[in-house]
Amino acid sequence: MKTLRVVNKGKKTRYRLGVEFPPNQTVEITVSNREYLTVKAVRDFEVEIVSEDETKQSHDIAETDAPSLDISGLTIDEVLEAVKEGKLSVDEALSQEKTGKNRSTLIDKLEALKVE
């Protein structure tokens, strides 16, 4: 796990991992290595690692090799399959969908998976 200090240098509010990043304000969050890559990938974000948990280092190294999956180009069935295969977490898929295409059918199916 990593604690990050994130500054949105853009002009509009961004949402990543269910967190709101207002323009020109500092937000501190704790994330896994996979989620760190999702936050780090945003052009307008200035990301600083405040602290890093060393206890799960060998496990986290394996996660950094697998980049976060972008679902904007996938169909609903492809997204659901990726979640079932473990390529993407339900929360991550929901976050991406709500900030992206916002397909209500997919959001409903992902929320049903989350309840299971």
Protein backbone atom coordinates (compact mmCIF):
# COMPACT_ATOMS: atom_id res chain seq x y z
CA MET A 1 0.00 0.00 0.00
CA LYS A 2 1.11 3.52 -0.74
CA THR A 3 0.01 6.85 0.65
CA LEU A 4 -0.06 9.45 -2.11
CA ARG A 5 -0.29 13.21 -2.20
CA VAL A 6 -2.06 14.13 -5.44
CA VAL A 7 -2.46 17.61 -6.93
CA ASN A 8 -4.79 18.09 -9.90
CA LYS A 9 -3.03 20.67 -12.10
CA GLY A 10 -5.94 20.69 -14.60
CA LYS A 11 -8.88 23.07 -14.78
CA LYS A 12 -11.70 20.61 -14.02
CA THR A 13 -12.49 18.15 -11.25
CA ARG A 14 -11.33 14.60 -11.98
CA TYR A 15 -12.61 11.37 -10.46
CA ARG A 16 -10.35 8.34 -10.10
CA LEU A 17 -10.92 5.27 -7.92
CA GLY A 18 -14.07 6.86 -6.51
CA VAL A 19 -12.14 9.89 -5.20
CA GLU A 20 -12.78 13.49 -6.24
CA PHE A 21 -9.71 15.54 -7.18
CA PRO A 22 -10.68 19.24 -7.37
CA PRO A 23 -8.44 21.54 -9.46
CA ASN A 24 -5.33 22.92 -7.74
CA GLN A 25 -6.01 21.18 -4.42
CA THR A 26 -3.97 18.54 -2.63
CA VAL A 27 -5.66 15.22 -1.80
CA GLU A 28 -4.03 12.39 0.20
CA ILE A 29 -5.15 8.81 -0.49
CA THR A 30 -3.92 5.30 0.29
CA VAL A 31 -3.82 2.91 -2.67
CA SER A 32 -2.41 -0.40 -3.87
CA ASN A 33 0.25 -0.52 -6.57
CA ARG A 34 -2.37 -1.18 -9.27
CA GLU A 35 -4.46 1.79 -8.13
CA TYR A 36 -1.29 3.89 -7.96
CA LEU A 37 -0.76 3.27 -11.68
CA THR A 38 -4.34 4.36 -12.39
CA VAL A 39 -3.77 7.66 -10.56
CA LYS A 40 -0.26 8.17 -11.95
CA ALA A 41 -1.55 7.75 -15.55
CA VAL A 42 -3.56 11.01 -15.43
CA ARG A 43 -1.67 13.74 -17.25
CA ASP A 44 -2.93 16.58 -15.08
CA PHE A 45 -2.02 14.89 -11.80
CA GLU A 46 1.16 15.59 -9.88
CA VAL A 47 1.67 12.49 -7.72
CA GLU A 48 4.05 12.25 -4.76
CA ILE A 49 4.52 9.09 -2.69
CA VAL A 50 4.29 10.05 0.97
CA SER A 51 4.84 6.56 2.41
CA GLU A 52 5.02 2.99 1.19
CA ASP A 53 4.22 -0.23 3.06
CA GLU A 54 7.20 -2.58 2.68
CA THR A 55 5.57 -5.70 4.16
CA LYS A 56 3.92 -6.91 0.95
CA GLN A 57 6.68 -5.82 -1.43
CA SER A 58 7.08 -9.16 -3.26
CA HIS A 59 3.32 -9.46 -3.80
CA ASP A 60 3.01 -5.87 -4.99
CA ILE A 61 5.78 -6.29 -7.56
CA ALA A 62 3.65 -8.84 -9.40
CA GLU A 63 0.76 -6.37 -9.50
CA THR A 64 2.81 -3.58 -11.07
CA ASP A 65 3.54 -5.79 -14.08
CA ALA A 66 -0.18 -5.89 -14.91
CA PRO A 67 -1.31 -2.46 -16.11
CA SER A 68 -4.80 -1.29 -15.29
CA LEU A 69 -7.31 -2.20 -17.99
CA ASP A 70 -9.04 0.66 -19.82
CA ILE A 71 -12.68 -0.33 -20.34
CA SER A 72 -13.74 2.57 -22.56
CA GLY A 73 -13.18 0.53 -25.72
CA LEU A 74 -14.75 -2.68 -24.41
CA THR A 75 -18.29 -3.97 -24.77
CA ILE A 76 -20.42 -4.70 -21.71
CA ASP A 77 -19.79 -8.45 -22.06
CA GLU A 78 -16.02 -7.91 -22.40
CA VAL A 79 -15.94 -5.76 -19.25
CA LEU A 80 -17.91 -8.36 -17.27
CA GLU A 81 -15.59 -11.11 -18.52
CA ALA A 82 -12.50 -9.09 -17.50
CA VAL A 83 -13.93 -8.64 -14.00
CA LYS A 84 -14.75 -12.35 -13.69
CA GLU A 85 -11.21 -13.28 -14.84
CA GLY A 86 -9.69 -10.96 -12.25
CA LYS A 87 -8.09 -8.60 -14.76
CA LEU A 88 -10.03 -5.75 -13.19
CA SER A 89 -11.74 -5.26 -9.84
CA VAL A 90 -15.46 -4.49 -9.66
CA ASP A 91 -14.76 -1.17 -7.90
CA GLU A 92 -12.21 -0.14 -10.51
CA ALA A 93 -14.60 -1.04 -13.35
CA LEU A 94 -17.42 0.92 -11.71
CA SER A 95 -15.19 3.95 -11.22
CA GLN A 96 -13.99 3.90 -14.82
CA GLU A 97 -17.51 3.42 -16.18
CA LYS A 98 -19.03 6.21 -14.09
CA THR A 99 -16.35 8.68 -15.21
CA GLY A 100 -16.36 7.39 -18.80
CA LYS A 101 -19.30 6.19 -20.88
CA ASN A 102 -21.64 5.84 -17.88
CA ARG A 103 -23.58 2.89 -19.37
CA SER A 104 -26.43 2.20 -16.95
CA THR A 105 -26.75 -1.45 -18.00
CA LEU A 106 -23.10 -2.13 -17.22
CA ILE A 107 -23.22 -0.18 -13.96
CA ASP A 108 -26.25 -2.21 -12.82
CA LYS A 109 -24.54 -5.51 -13.68
CA LEU A 110 -21.30 -4.48 -11.94
CA GLU A 111 -23.17 -3.43 -8.81
CA ALA A 112 -24.95 -6.81 -8.83
CA LEU A 113 -21.53 -8.52 -9.01
CA LYS A 114 -20.28 -6.39 -6.16
CA VAL A 115 -23.17 -7.56 -3.94
CA GLU A 116 -22.39 -11.25 -4.65
